């Protein structure tokens, strides 16, 4: 089964940002949510999109960088990709067109 993992705690550590500073930059009064997002191993399994946007905006404010979703979330696929039917046909074709 594929999973989506939070890497926000790593991002905060790399940039020496506290969860408190992030919450203030986000302008939120829901500090418990920010602390939970930032705590490695205890991240929520669900988050609404407006909250995610607010996290990204807060990080951009604090770092002055163009922070992307991939900076705080990591997708790990368990699905092995296989070539498309057209690609498989090309792979099976013999050199020289014969």
C-alpha atoms as a PDB file:
ATOM      1  CA  UNK A   1       0.000   0.000   0.000  1.00  0.00           C
ATOM      2  CA  UNK A   2       1.363   3.414  -0.952  1.00  0.00           C
ATOM      3  CA  UNK A   3       1.754   5.996   1.801  1.00  0.00           C
ATOM      4  CA  UNK A   4       2.061   9.730   2.156  1.00  0.00           C
ATOM      5  CA  UNK A   5       4.520  10.704   4.899  1.00  0.00           C
ATOM      6  CA  UNK A   6       4.943  14.026   6.634  1.00  0.00           C
ATOM      7  CA  UNK A   7       8.425  15.522   6.456  1.00  0.00           C
ATOM      8  CA  UNK A   8       7.461  18.811   8.104  1.00  0.00           C
ATOM      9  CA  UNK A   9       9.444  17.997  11.264  1.00  0.00           C
ATOM     10  CA  UNK A  10      12.566  17.491   9.147  1.00  0.00           C
ATOM     11  CA  UNK A  11      11.933  20.722   7.248  1.00  0.00           C
ATOM     12  CA  UNK A  12      11.515  22.682  10.468  1.00  0.00           C
ATOM     13  CA  UNK A  13      14.708  21.193  11.938  1.00  0.00           C
ATOM     14  CA  UNK A  14      16.714  21.931   8.772  1.00  0.00           C
ATOM     15  CA  UNK A  15      15.613  25.552   8.836  1.00  0.00           C
ATOM     16  CA  UNK A  16      15.781  25.927  12.639  1.00  0.00           C
ATOM     17  CA  UNK A  17      12.095  26.845  12.858  1.00  0.00           C
ATOM     18  CA  UNK A  18       9.987  25.999  15.888  1.00  0.00           C
ATOM     19  CA  UNK A  19       6.396  24.848  15.737  1.00  0.00           C
ATOM     20  CA  UNK A  20       5.514  27.939  17.756  1.00  0.00           C
ATOM     21  CA  UNK A  21       7.126  30.232  15.157  1.00  0.00           C
ATOM     22  CA  UNK A  22       5.271  28.395  12.389  1.00  0.00           C
ATOM     23  CA  UNK A  23       1.960  28.796  14.199  1.00  0.00           C
ATOM     24  CA  UNK A  24       2.564  32.511  14.642  1.00  0.00           C
ATOM     25  CA  UNK A  25       3.522  32.897  10.969  1.00  0.00           C
ATOM     26  CA  UNK A  26       0.367  31.012  10.009  1.00  0.00           C
ATOM     27  CA  UNK A  27      -1.692  33.388  12.133  1.00  0.00           C
ATOM     28  CA  UNK A  28      -3.512  30.483  13.709  1.00  0.00           C
ATOM     29  CA  UNK A  29      -5.052  30.138  17.124  1.00  0.00           C
ATOM     30  CA  UNK A  30      -5.016  26.349  16.714  1.00  0.00           C
ATOM     31  CA  UNK A  31      -1.512  25.811  18.059  1.00  0.00           C
ATOM     32  CA  UNK A  32      -2.260  22.193  19.032  1.00  0.00           C
ATOM     33  CA  UNK A  33      -2.761  21.414  15.345  1.00  0.00           C
ATOM     34  CA  UNK A  34       0.581  23.004  14.471  1.00  0.00           C
ATOM     35  CA  UNK A  35       2.372  21.131  17.253  1.00  0.00           C
ATOM     36  CA  UNK A  36       0.849  17.851  16.091  1.00  0.00           C
ATOM     37  CA  UNK A  37       1.836  18.485  12.468  1.00  0.00           C
ATOM     38  CA  UNK A  38       5.386  19.230  13.573  1.00  0.00           C
ATOM     39  CA  UNK A  39       5.815  16.248  15.909  1.00  0.00           C
ATOM     40  CA  UNK A  40       7.620  13.397  14.163  1.00  0.00           C
ATOM     41  CA  UNK A  41       5.698  10.128  14.434  1.00  0.00           C
ATOM     42  CA  UNK A  42       2.474  11.731  15.644  1.00  0.00           C
ATOM     43  CA  UNK A  43       1.410  13.591  12.527  1.00  0.00           C
ATOM     44  CA  UNK A  44      -2.268  13.488  11.612  1.00  0.00           C
ATOM     45  CA  UNK A  45      -3.372  11.148   8.856  1.00  0.00           C
ATOM     46  CA  UNK A  46      -5.801  13.755   7.524  1.00  0.00           C
ATOM     47  CA  UNK A  47      -5.607  17.484   7.003  1.00  0.00           C
ATOM     48  CA  UNK A  48      -7.863  19.862   5.155  1.00  0.00           C
ATOM     49  CA  UNK A  49      -6.462  21.708   2.165  1.00  0.00           C
ATOM     50  CA  UNK A  50      -6.903  25.233   3.580  1.00  0.00           C
ATOM     51  CA  UNK A  51      -4.771  24.225   6.584  1.00  0.00           C
ATOM     52  CA  UNK A  52      -2.113  22.792   4.275  1.00  0.00           C
ATOM     53  CA  UNK A  53      -2.054  26.045   2.287  1.00  0.00           C
ATOM     54  CA  UNK A  54      -1.713  28.027   5.522  1.00  0.00           C
ATOM     55  CA  UNK A  55       1.245  25.840   6.584  1.00  0.00           C
ATOM     56  CA  UNK A  56       2.953  26.442   3.237  1.00  0.00           C
ATOM     57  CA  UNK A  57       2.294  30.186   3.442  1.00  0.00           C
ATOM     58  CA  UNK A  58       3.707  30.277   6.982  1.00  0.00           C
ATOM     59  CA  UNK A  59       6.838  28.430   5.898  1.00  0.00           C
ATOM     60  CA  UNK A  60       7.290  30.768   2.941  1.00  0.00           C
ATOM     61  CA  UNK A  61       7.001  33.757   5.269  1.00  0.00           C
ATOM     62  CA  UNK A  62       9.586  32.323   7.675  1.00  0.00           C
ATOM     63  CA  UNK A  63      12.110  31.114   5.100  1.00  0.00           C
ATOM     64  CA  UNK A  64      11.642  33.597   2.282  1.00  0.00           C
ATOM     65  CA  UNK A  65      11.733  30.591  -0.055  1.00  0.00           C
ATOM     66  CA  UNK A  66       9.228  29.047  -2.458  1.00  0.00           C
ATOM     67  CA  UNK A  67       8.164  26.155  -0.228  1.00  0.00           C
ATOM     68  CA  UNK A  68       6.251  23.390  -2.034  1.00  0.00           C
ATOM     69  CA  UNK A  69       4.065  20.518  -0.829  1.00  0.00           C
ATOM     70  CA  UNK A  70       6.887  18.121  -1.658  1.00  0.00           C
ATOM     71  CA  UNK A  71       9.029  19.907   0.934  1.00  0.00           C
ATOM     72  CA  UNK A  72       6.733  18.773   3.749  1.00  0.00           C
ATOM     73  CA  UNK A  73       5.065  15.626   2.356  1.00  0.00           C
ATOM     74  CA  UNK A  74       6.660  12.576   0.740  1.00  0.00           C
ATOM     75  CA  UNK A  75       4.818   9.989  -1.376  1.00  0.00           C
ATOM     76  CA  UNK A  76       6.099   6.414  -1.152  1.00  0.00           C
ATOM     77  CA  UNK A  77       4.621   4.172  -3.817  1.00  0.00           C
ATOM     78  CA  UNK A  78       4.170   0.461  -3.384  1.00  0.00           C
ATOM     79  CA  UNK A  79       2.992   0.119  -6.975  1.00  0.00           C
ATOM     80  CA  UNK A  80       5.577  -1.129  -9.428  1.00  0.00           C
ATOM     81  CA  UNK A  81       5.252   0.777 -12.657  1.00  0.00           C
ATOM     82  CA  UNK A  82       5.084  -1.230 -15.864  1.00  0.00           C
ATOM     83  CA  UNK A  83       5.547   0.037 -19.393  1.00  0.00           C
ATOM     84  CA  UNK A  84       2.490   1.082 -21.355  1.00  0.00           C
ATOM     85  CA  UNK A  85       1.316  -1.362 -24.074  1.00  0.00           C
ATOM     86  CA  UNK A  86       2.893   0.823 -26.782  1.00  0.00           C
ATOM     87  CA  UNK A  87       6.221   0.902 -24.918  1.00  0.00           C
ATOM     88  CA  UNK A  88       6.092  -2.879 -24.399  1.00  0.00           C
ATOM     89  CA  UNK A  89       5.557  -3.371 -28.136  1.00  0.00           C
ATOM     90  CA  UNK A  90       8.593  -1.185 -28.903  1.00  0.00           C
ATOM     91  CA  UNK A  91      10.685  -3.155 -26.407  1.00  0.00           C
ATOM     92  CA  UNK A  92       9.735  -6.443 -28.066  1.00  0.00           C
ATOM     93  CA  UNK A  93      10.393  -5.193 -31.615  1.00  0.00           C
ATOM     94  CA  UNK A  94      13.502  -6.610 -33.209  1.00  0.00           C
ATOM     95  CA  UNK A  95      16.284  -4.271 -34.293  1.00  0.00           C
ATOM     96  CA  UNK A  96      16.168  -3.391 -37.984  1.00  0.00           C
ATOM     97  CA  UNK A  97      12.350  -3.658 -38.131  1.00  0.00           C
ATOM     98  CA  UNK A  98      12.284  -7.393 -38.927  1.00  0.00           C
END
